[in-house]
């Protein structure tokens, strides 16, 4: 089997699984990527939320520690509701200001994975559409997408409606987390992707929906629930 050069930095089973599926089999071919922990180290959405609180931009929240304790409590109760809540906390902020701050953080973010950028470029050279399907706020993922070579019009994230230029608490549906990632793919992309790449159980349903699931892990975190599920299902794993 020929392994393209742009897969040289990946473990062999991971690279081979991609190589087996890059031969054209239909008109539209799509690769869907989770963002945080997959395209880059750490969580840029959470980093942005902490920055907002520390800067006094979130009404009713002035202490990062207490805000984060509430956020984690909500995520433990419901991943999708917790991820939505941290965006709803931005209600009242001008969208233009949030977009500017997101561009600034994305420009300063040092955690992008160059190997994933090369993989994306390789898939694009083979004719794949590359999309981000993330449970982080869409504004920050939209700002970070160009660093990975993904068009900003192919970014799906959790967001709330904007009225008169101001962010509201009203979520835009579907919310792309867990089964919501599948629903978002169906609503915004309209075809079953060939590939999906993810790193957490928030990606589990999306990984199970596509032709070839690929799991991204970390060398300093050798085992988590998604890694265990990947072993059971034969999904290739690459650790950074």
C-alpha atoms as a PDB file:
ATOM      1  CA  UNK A   1       0.000   0.000   0.000  1.00  0.00           C
ATOM      2  CA  UNK A   2       1.301   3.428  -0.934  1.00  0.00           C
ATOM      3  CA  UNK A   3       1.409   5.841   2.027  1.00  0.00           C
ATOM      4  CA  UNK A   4       1.500   9.485   0.896  1.00  0.00           C
ATOM      5  CA  UNK A   5       4.364  11.610   2.214  1.00  0.00           C
ATOM      6  CA  UNK A   6       1.959  13.810   4.147  1.00  0.00           C
ATOM      7  CA  UNK A   7       1.128  10.820   6.357  1.00  0.00           C
ATOM      8  CA  UNK A   8       4.750  10.029   7.178  1.00  0.00           C
ATOM      9  CA  UNK A   9       4.540  11.468  10.702  1.00  0.00           C
ATOM     10  CA  UNK A  10       1.630   9.242  11.730  1.00  0.00           C
ATOM     11  CA  UNK A  11       1.590   5.736  13.174  1.00  0.00           C
ATOM     12  CA  UNK A  12       1.340   3.074  10.475  1.00  0.00           C
ATOM     13  CA  UNK A  13      -2.180   1.735  11.247  1.00  0.00           C
ATOM     14  CA  UNK A  14      -3.493   5.309  11.368  1.00  0.00           C
ATOM     15  CA  UNK A  15      -1.796   6.242   8.087  1.00  0.00           C
ATOM     16  CA  UNK A  16      -2.866   3.031   6.370  1.00  0.00           C
ATOM     17  CA  UNK A  17      -6.498   3.540   7.327  1.00  0.00           C
ATOM     18  CA  UNK A  18      -6.423   6.952   5.675  1.00  0.00           C
ATOM     19  CA  UNK A  19      -4.555   5.702   2.610  1.00  0.00           C
ATOM     20  CA  UNK A  20      -7.139   2.953   2.059  1.00  0.00           C
ATOM     21  CA  UNK A  21      -9.932   5.505   1.800  1.00  0.00           C
ATOM     22  CA  UNK A  22      -8.429   8.318  -0.268  1.00  0.00           C
ATOM     23  CA  UNK A  23      -9.160   6.702  -3.639  1.00  0.00           C
ATOM     24  CA  UNK A  24     -12.175   8.530  -5.142  1.00  0.00           C
ATOM     25  CA  UNK A  25     -15.369   6.571  -4.564  1.00  0.00           C
ATOM     26  CA  UNK A  26     -17.962   9.322  -4.910  1.00  0.00           C
ATOM     27  CA  UNK A  27     -18.320  12.916  -6.028  1.00  0.00           C
ATOM     28  CA  UNK A  28     -18.221  14.622  -2.621  1.00  0.00           C
ATOM     29  CA  UNK A  29     -15.690  13.402  -0.110  1.00  0.00           C
ATOM     30  CA  UNK A  30     -15.512  14.983   3.322  1.00  0.00           C
ATOM     31  CA  UNK A  31     -13.172  14.809   6.307  1.00  0.00           C
ATOM     32  CA  UNK A  32     -14.618  16.114   9.589  1.00  0.00           C
ATOM     33  CA  UNK A  33     -12.290  17.229  12.375  1.00  0.00           C
ATOM     34  CA  UNK A  34     -12.930  17.944  15.998  1.00  0.00           C
ATOM     35  CA  UNK A  35     -10.928  21.003  17.050  1.00  0.00           C
ATOM     36  CA  UNK A  36      -9.742  21.072  20.666  1.00  0.00           C
ATOM     37  CA  UNK A  37      -7.356  18.231  21.422  1.00  0.00           C
ATOM     38  CA  UNK A  38      -7.439  17.108  17.793  1.00  0.00           C
ATOM     39  CA  UNK A  39      -6.238  19.941  15.571  1.00  0.00           C
ATOM     40  CA  UNK A  40      -4.418  21.628  18.418  1.00  0.00           C
ATOM     41  CA  UNK A  41      -3.311  20.904  21.954  1.00  0.00           C
ATOM     42  CA  UNK A  42      -5.579  22.045  24.777  1.00  0.00           C
ATOM     43  CA  UNK A  43      -8.954  23.780  24.501  1.00  0.00           C
ATOM     44  CA  UNK A  44      -8.971  27.183  22.811  1.00  0.00           C
ATOM     45  CA  UNK A  45     -12.633  27.721  23.656  1.00  0.00           C
ATOM     46  CA  UNK A  46     -11.985  27.269  27.360  1.00  0.00           C
ATOM     47  CA  UNK A  47      -8.905  29.497  27.139  1.00  0.00           C
ATOM     48  CA  UNK A  48     -11.017  32.220  25.543  1.00  0.00           C
ATOM     49  CA  UNK A  49     -13.688  31.929  28.242  1.00  0.00           C
ATOM     50  CA  UNK A  50     -11.095  32.265  31.006  1.00  0.00           C
ATOM     51  CA  UNK A  51      -9.642  35.317  29.244  1.00  0.00           C
ATOM     52  CA  UNK A  52     -13.079  36.925  29.075  1.00  0.00           C
ATOM     53  CA  UNK A  53     -13.697  36.412  32.787  1.00  0.00           C
ATOM     54  CA  UNK A  54     -10.223  37.602  33.770  1.00  0.00           C
ATOM     55  CA  UNK A  55     -10.734  40.723  31.665  1.00  0.00           C
ATOM     56  CA  UNK A  56     -14.056  41.551  33.319  1.00  0.00           C
ATOM     57  CA  UNK A  57     -16.052  40.968  30.145  1.00  0.00           C
ATOM     58  CA  UNK A  58     -18.578  38.476  31.561  1.00  0.00           C
ATOM     59  CA  UNK A  59     -21.382  40.146  33.482  1.00  0.00           C
ATOM     60  CA  UNK A  60     -21.862  38.686  36.945  1.00  0.00           C
ATOM     61  CA  UNK A  61     -18.583  36.793  36.904  1.00  0.00           C
ATOM     62  CA  UNK A  62     -15.358  38.380  38.086  1.00  0.00           C
ATOM     63  CA  UNK A  63     -13.487  35.411  39.521  1.00  0.00           C
ATOM     64  CA  UNK A  64     -12.044  32.843  37.131  1.00  0.00           C
ATOM     65  CA  UNK A  65     -11.873  30.069  39.732  1.00  0.00           C
ATOM     66  CA  UNK A  66     -15.543  30.258  40.740  1.00  0.00           C
ATOM     67  CA  UNK A  67     -16.659  30.653  37.121  1.00  0.00           C
ATOM     68  CA  UNK A  68     -14.667  27.575  36.190  1.00  0.00           C
ATOM     69  CA  UNK A  69     -16.027  25.563  39.084  1.00  0.00           C
ATOM     70  CA  UNK A  70     -19.566  26.320  37.883  1.00  0.00           C
ATOM     71  CA  UNK A  71     -18.645  25.486  34.285  1.00  0.00           C
ATOM     72  CA  UNK A  72     -17.137  22.114  35.224  1.00  0.00           C
ATOM     73  CA  UNK A  73     -20.146  21.284  37.399  1.00  0.00           C
ATOM     74  CA  UNK A  74     -22.431  21.946  34.445  1.00  0.00           C
ATOM     75  CA  UNK A  75     -20.282  19.937  32.028  1.00  0.00           C
ATOM     76  CA  UNK A  76     -20.272  16.994  34.439  1.00  0.00           C
ATOM     77  CA  UNK A  77     -24.079  17.120  34.525  1.00  0.00           C
ATOM     78  CA  UNK A  78     -24.486  17.543  30.748  1.00  0.00           C
ATOM     79  CA  UNK A  79     -21.627  18.032  28.342  1.00  0.00           C
ATOM     80  CA  UNK A  80     -23.711  19.852  25.734  1.00  0.00           C
ATOM     81  CA  UNK A  81     -25.490  22.077  28.269  1.00  0.00           C
ATOM     82  CA  UNK A  82     -22.218  22.972  29.971  1.00  0.00           C
ATOM     83  CA  UNK A  83     -20.557  23.867  26.686  1.00  0.00           C
ATOM     84  CA  UNK A  84     -23.586  25.955  25.768  1.00  0.00           C
ATOM     85  CA  UNK A  85     -23.650  27.709  29.144  1.00  0.00           C
ATOM     86  CA  UNK A  86     -20.104  28.994  28.791  1.00  0.00           C
ATOM     87  CA  UNK A  87     -21.158  30.655  25.515  1.00  0.00           C
ATOM     88  CA  UNK A  88     -24.463  31.922  26.922  1.00  0.00           C
ATOM     89  CA  UNK A  89     -22.391  33.685  29.589  1.00  0.00           C
ATOM     90  CA  UNK A  90     -21.205  35.966  26.763  1.00  0.00           C
ATOM     91  CA  UNK A  91     -24.733  37.330  26.272  1.00  0.00           C
ATOM     92  CA  UNK A  92     -24.788  41.082  25.825  1.00  0.00           C
ATOM     93  CA  UNK A  93     -21.315  41.321  24.312  1.00  0.00           C
ATOM     94  CA  UNK A  94     -21.078  42.906  20.867  1.00  0.00           C
ATOM     95  CA  UNK A  95     -20.351  40.197  18.316  1.00  0.00           C
ATOM     96  CA  UNK A  96     -17.816  42.482  16.605  1.00  0.00           C
ATOM     97  CA  UNK A  97     -15.798  42.729  19.833  1.00  0.00           C
ATOM     98  CA  UNK A  98     -15.889  38.954  20.325  1.00  0.00           C
ATOM     99  CA  UNK A  99     -14.749  38.398  16.745  1.00  0.00           C
ATOM    100  CA  UNK A 100     -11.822  40.786  17.258  1.00  0.00           C
ATOM    101  CA  UNK A 101     -10.781  39.170  20.539  1.00  0.00           C
ATOM    102  CA  UNK A 102     -11.024  35.721  18.955  1.00  0.00           C
ATOM    103  CA  UNK A 103      -8.752  36.758  16.076  1.00  0.00           C
ATOM    104  CA  UNK A 104      -6.233  38.092  18.591  1.00  0.00           C
ATOM    105  CA  UNK A 105      -6.218  34.902  20.663  1.00  0.00           C
ATOM    106  CA  UNK A 106      -6.054  32.675  17.580  1.00  0.00           C
ATOM    107  CA  UNK A 107      -3.033  34.643  16.336  1.00  0.00           C
ATOM    108  CA  UNK A 108      -1.301  34.206  19.710  1.00  0.00           C
ATOM    109  CA  UNK A 109      -2.290  30.538  20.168  1.00  0.00           C
ATOM    110  CA  UNK A 110       0.850  28.389  20.053  1.00  0.00           C
ATOM    111  CA  UNK A 111      -0.760  24.958  20.254  1.00  0.00           C
ATOM    112  CA  UNK A 112      -1.570  24.196  16.610  1.00  0.00           C
ATOM    113  CA  UNK A 113      -0.375  20.767  15.459  1.00  0.00           C
ATOM    114  CA  UNK A 114       1.706  21.048  12.270  1.00  0.00           C
ATOM    115  CA  UNK A 115       1.244  17.329  11.547  1.00  0.00           C
ATOM    116  CA  UNK A 116      -2.515  17.823  11.406  1.00  0.00           C
ATOM    117  CA  UNK A 117      -2.066  20.853   9.174  1.00  0.00           C
ATOM    118  CA  UNK A 118      -0.038  18.672   6.777  1.00  0.00           C
ATOM    119  CA  UNK A 119      -2.705  15.954   6.906  1.00  0.00           C
ATOM    120  CA  UNK A 120      -5.424  18.482   6.095  1.00  0.00           C
ATOM    121  CA  UNK A 121      -3.407  19.858   3.193  1.00  0.00           C
ATOM    122  CA  UNK A 122      -2.859  16.318   1.907  1.00  0.00           C
ATOM    123  CA  UNK A 123      -6.541  15.464   2.049  1.00  0.00           C
ATOM    124  CA  UNK A 124      -7.378  18.696   0.259  1.00  0.00           C
ATOM    125  CA  UNK A 125      -4.894  17.814  -2.470  1.00  0.00           C
ATOM    126  CA  UNK A 126      -6.831  14.566  -2.926  1.00  0.00           C
ATOM    127  CA  UNK A 127     -10.084  16.478  -3.388  1.00  0.00           C
ATOM    128  CA  UNK A 128     -11.540  16.229   0.125  1.00  0.00           C
ATOM    129  CA  UNK A 129     -13.619  18.949   1.709  1.00  0.00           C
ATOM    130  CA  UNK A 130     -12.232  19.557   5.198  1.00  0.00           C
ATOM    131  CA  UNK A 131     -14.602  20.692   7.937  1.00  0.00           C
ATOM    132  CA  UNK A 132     -14.296  21.467  11.631  1.00  0.00           C
ATOM    133  CA  UNK A 133     -17.140  20.170  13.798  1.00  0.00           C
ATOM    134  CA  UNK A 134     -16.500  21.480  17.302  1.00  0.00           C
ATOM    135  CA  UNK A 135     -18.333  21.893  20.603  1.00  0.00           C
ATOM    136  CA  UNK A 136     -16.349  25.052  21.338  1.00  0.00           C
ATOM    137  CA  UNK A 137     -17.809  28.438  20.545  1.00  0.00           C
ATOM    138  CA  UNK A 138     -17.906  28.960  16.796  1.00  0.00           C
ATOM    139  CA  UNK A 139     -16.334  32.419  16.968  1.00  0.00           C
ATOM    140  CA  UNK A 140     -13.022  31.198  18.354  1.00  0.00           C
ATOM    141  CA  UNK A 141     -12.874  28.078  16.159  1.00  0.00           C
ATOM    142  CA  UNK A 142     -13.705  30.224  13.124  1.00  0.00           C
ATOM    143  CA  UNK A 143     -10.722  32.438  14.033  1.00  0.00           C
ATOM    144  CA  UNK A 144      -8.380  29.475  14.455  1.00  0.00           C
ATOM    145  CA  UNK A 145      -9.381  27.593  11.311  1.00  0.00           C
ATOM    146  CA  UNK A 146      -7.044  29.455   8.879  1.00  0.00           C
ATOM    147  CA  UNK A 147      -4.011  28.374  10.904  1.00  0.00           C
ATOM    148  CA  UNK A 148      -4.944  24.799  10.029  1.00  0.00           C
ATOM    149  CA  UNK A 149      -5.745  25.569   6.395  1.00  0.00           C
ATOM    150  CA  UNK A 150      -9.482  24.983   6.807  1.00  0.00           C
ATOM    151  CA  UNK A 151     -11.826  27.482   5.123  1.00  0.00           C
ATOM    152  CA  UNK A 152     -13.782  29.533   7.617  1.00  0.00           C
ATOM    153  CA  UNK A 153     -17.048  28.759   5.823  1.00  0.00           C
ATOM    154  CA  UNK A 154     -16.500  25.121   6.749  1.00  0.00           C
ATOM    155  CA  UNK A 155     -16.544  25.627  10.522  1.00  0.00           C
ATOM    156  CA  UNK A 156     -19.349  24.300  12.697  1.00  0.00           C
ATOM    157  CA  UNK A 157     -19.381  25.158  16.390  1.00  0.00           C
ATOM    158  CA  UNK A 158     -21.740  25.925  19.227  1.00  0.00           C
ATOM    159  CA  UNK A 159     -23.108  29.436  18.951  1.00  0.00           C
ATOM    160  CA  UNK A 160     -25.986  31.537  20.143  1.00  0.00           C
ATOM    161  CA  UNK A 161     -28.105  33.871  18.074  1.00  0.00           C
ATOM    162  CA  UNK A 162     -27.027  37.465  17.527  1.00  0.00           C
ATOM    163  CA  UNK A 163     -29.674  40.200  17.709  1.00  0.00           C
ATOM    164  CA  UNK A 164     -28.883  43.822  16.852  1.00  0.00           C
ATOM    165  CA  UNK A 165     -25.192  42.969  16.915  1.00  0.00           C
ATOM    166  CA  UNK A 166     -25.298  41.541  20.441  1.00  0.00           C
ATOM    167  CA  UNK A 167     -24.784  37.919  21.488  1.00  0.00           C
ATOM    168  CA  UNK A 168     -27.847  36.353  23.130  1.00  0.00           C
ATOM    169  CA  UNK A 169     -28.492  33.269  25.247  1.00  0.00           C
ATOM    170  CA  UNK A 170     -30.598  31.589  22.522  1.00  0.00           C
ATOM    171  CA  UNK A 171     -28.616  28.635  21.114  1.00  0.00           C
ATOM    172  CA  UNK A 172     -28.457  27.881  17.426  1.00  0.00           C
ATOM    173  CA  UNK A 173     -29.561  24.301  16.802  1.00  0.00           C
ATOM    174  CA  UNK A 174     -28.309  21.664  16.397  1.00  0.00           C
ATOM    175  CA  UNK A 175     -25.585  22.037  18.990  1.00  0.00           C
ATOM    176  CA  UNK A 176     -22.545  20.075  17.745  1.00  0.00           C
ATOM    177  CA  UNK A 177     -21.717  17.855  20.699  1.00  0.00           C
ATOM    178  CA  UNK A 178     -22.186  14.078  20.948  1.00  0.00           C
ATOM    179  CA  UNK A 179     -25.193  13.169  18.757  1.00  0.00           C
ATOM    180  CA  UNK A 180     -25.473  16.853  17.919  1.00  0.00           C
ATOM    181  CA  UNK A 181     -22.286  16.530  15.875  1.00  0.00           C
ATOM    182  CA  UNK A 182     -24.015  13.990  13.644  1.00  0.00           C
ATOM    183  CA  UNK A 183     -27.073  16.242  13.380  1.00  0.00           C
ATOM    184  CA  UNK A 184     -24.860  19.219  12.514  1.00  0.00           C
ATOM    185  CA  UNK A 185     -23.095  17.225   9.791  1.00  0.00           C
ATOM    186  CA  UNK A 186     -26.452  16.238   8.351  1.00  0.00           C
ATOM    187  CA  UNK A 187     -27.739  19.817   8.484  1.00  0.00           C
ATOM    188  CA  UNK A 188     -24.658  21.695   7.258  1.00  0.00           C
ATOM    189  CA  UNK A 189     -22.646  19.212   5.185  1.00  0.00           C
ATOM    190  CA  UNK A 190     -25.301  16.882   3.853  1.00  0.00           C
ATOM    191  CA  UNK A 191     -23.184  13.798   3.178  1.00  0.00           C
ATOM    192  CA  UNK A 192     -21.691  11.103   5.396  1.00  0.00           C
ATOM    193  CA  UNK A 193     -17.993  11.978   5.763  1.00  0.00           C
ATOM    194  CA  UNK A 194     -15.340   9.518   4.695  1.00  0.00           C
ATOM    195  CA  UNK A 195     -13.246  10.409   7.745  1.00  0.00           C
ATOM    196  CA  UNK A 196     -13.799  11.830  11.203  1.00  0.00           C
ATOM    197  CA  UNK A 197     -11.018  12.713  13.627  1.00  0.00           C
ATOM    198  CA  UNK A 198     -11.633  13.184  17.343  1.00  0.00           C
ATOM    199  CA  UNK A 199     -10.065  12.940  20.784  1.00  0.00           C
ATOM    200  CA  UNK A 200     -12.875  12.676  23.330  1.00  0.00           C
ATOM    201  CA  UNK A 201     -16.215  11.037  24.038  1.00  0.00           C
ATOM    202  CA  UNK A 202     -17.860  14.209  22.785  1.00  0.00           C
ATOM    203  CA  UNK A 203     -16.796  12.953  19.339  1.00  0.00           C
ATOM    204  CA  UNK A 204     -17.947   9.374  19.828  1.00  0.00           C
ATOM    205  CA  UNK A 205     -21.190   9.563  17.865  1.00  0.00           C
ATOM    206  CA  UNK A 206     -19.526  11.421  14.995  1.00  0.00           C
ATOM    207  CA  UNK A 207     -16.771   8.822  14.833  1.00  0.00           C
ATOM    208  CA  UNK A 208     -19.331   6.048  14.705  1.00  0.00           C
ATOM    209  CA  UNK A 209     -21.263   7.778  11.920  1.00  0.00           C
ATOM    210  CA  UNK A 210     -18.523   8.035   9.277  1.00  0.00           C
ATOM    211  CA  UNK A 211     -16.820   5.498   7.028  1.00  0.00           C
ATOM    212  CA  UNK A 212     -13.468   5.614   8.847  1.00  0.00           C
ATOM    213  CA  UNK A 213     -13.027   6.831  12.417  1.00  0.00           C
ATOM    214  CA  UNK A 214      -9.597   8.037  13.535  1.00  0.00           C
ATOM    215  CA  UNK A 215      -8.743   8.867  17.125  1.00  0.00           C
ATOM    216  CA  UNK A 216      -6.148  11.369  18.302  1.00  0.00           C
ATOM    217  CA  UNK A 217      -4.555  10.902  21.716  1.00  0.00           C
ATOM    218  CA  UNK A 218      -1.730  12.231  23.843  1.00  0.00           C
ATOM    219  CA  UNK A 219       1.421  10.435  24.912  1.00  0.00           C
ATOM    220  CA  UNK A 220       1.067  11.861  28.424  1.00  0.00           C
ATOM    221  CA  UNK A 221      -2.536  10.586  28.638  1.00  0.00           C
ATOM    222  CA  UNK A 222      -2.230   7.032  27.292  1.00  0.00           C
ATOM    223  CA  UNK A 223      -5.698   5.853  28.243  1.00  0.00           C
ATOM    224  CA  UNK A 224      -9.142   7.443  28.340  1.00  0.00           C
ATOM    225  CA  UNK A 225     -12.670   6.277  27.555  1.00  0.00           C
ATOM    226  CA  UNK A 226     -12.414   7.096  23.854  1.00  0.00           C
ATOM    227  CA  UNK A 227      -9.100   5.205  23.557  1.00  0.00           C
ATOM    228  CA  UNK A 228     -10.757   2.206  25.195  1.00  0.00           C
ATOM    229  CA  UNK A 229     -13.720   2.457  22.830  1.00  0.00           C
ATOM    230  CA  UNK A 230     -11.331   2.756  19.879  1.00  0.00           C
ATOM    231  CA  UNK A 231      -9.570  -0.475  20.878  1.00  0.00           C
ATOM    232  CA  UNK A 232     -12.899  -2.304  21.042  1.00  0.00           C
ATOM    233  CA  UNK A 233     -13.998  -0.996  17.629  1.00  0.00           C
ATOM    234  CA  UNK A 234     -10.700  -1.204  15.795  1.00  0.00           C
ATOM    235  CA  UNK A 235     -10.447   2.540  15.274  1.00  0.00           C
ATOM    236  CA  UNK A 236      -6.801   3.525  14.657  1.00  0.00           C
ATOM    237  CA  UNK A 237      -5.220   5.837  17.232  1.00  0.00           C
ATOM    238  CA  UNK A 238      -2.325   8.245  16.817  1.00  0.00           C
ATOM    239  CA  UNK A 239      -0.806   9.844  19.917  1.00  0.00           C
ATOM    240  CA  UNK A 240       1.109  13.104  19.919  1.00  0.00           C
END
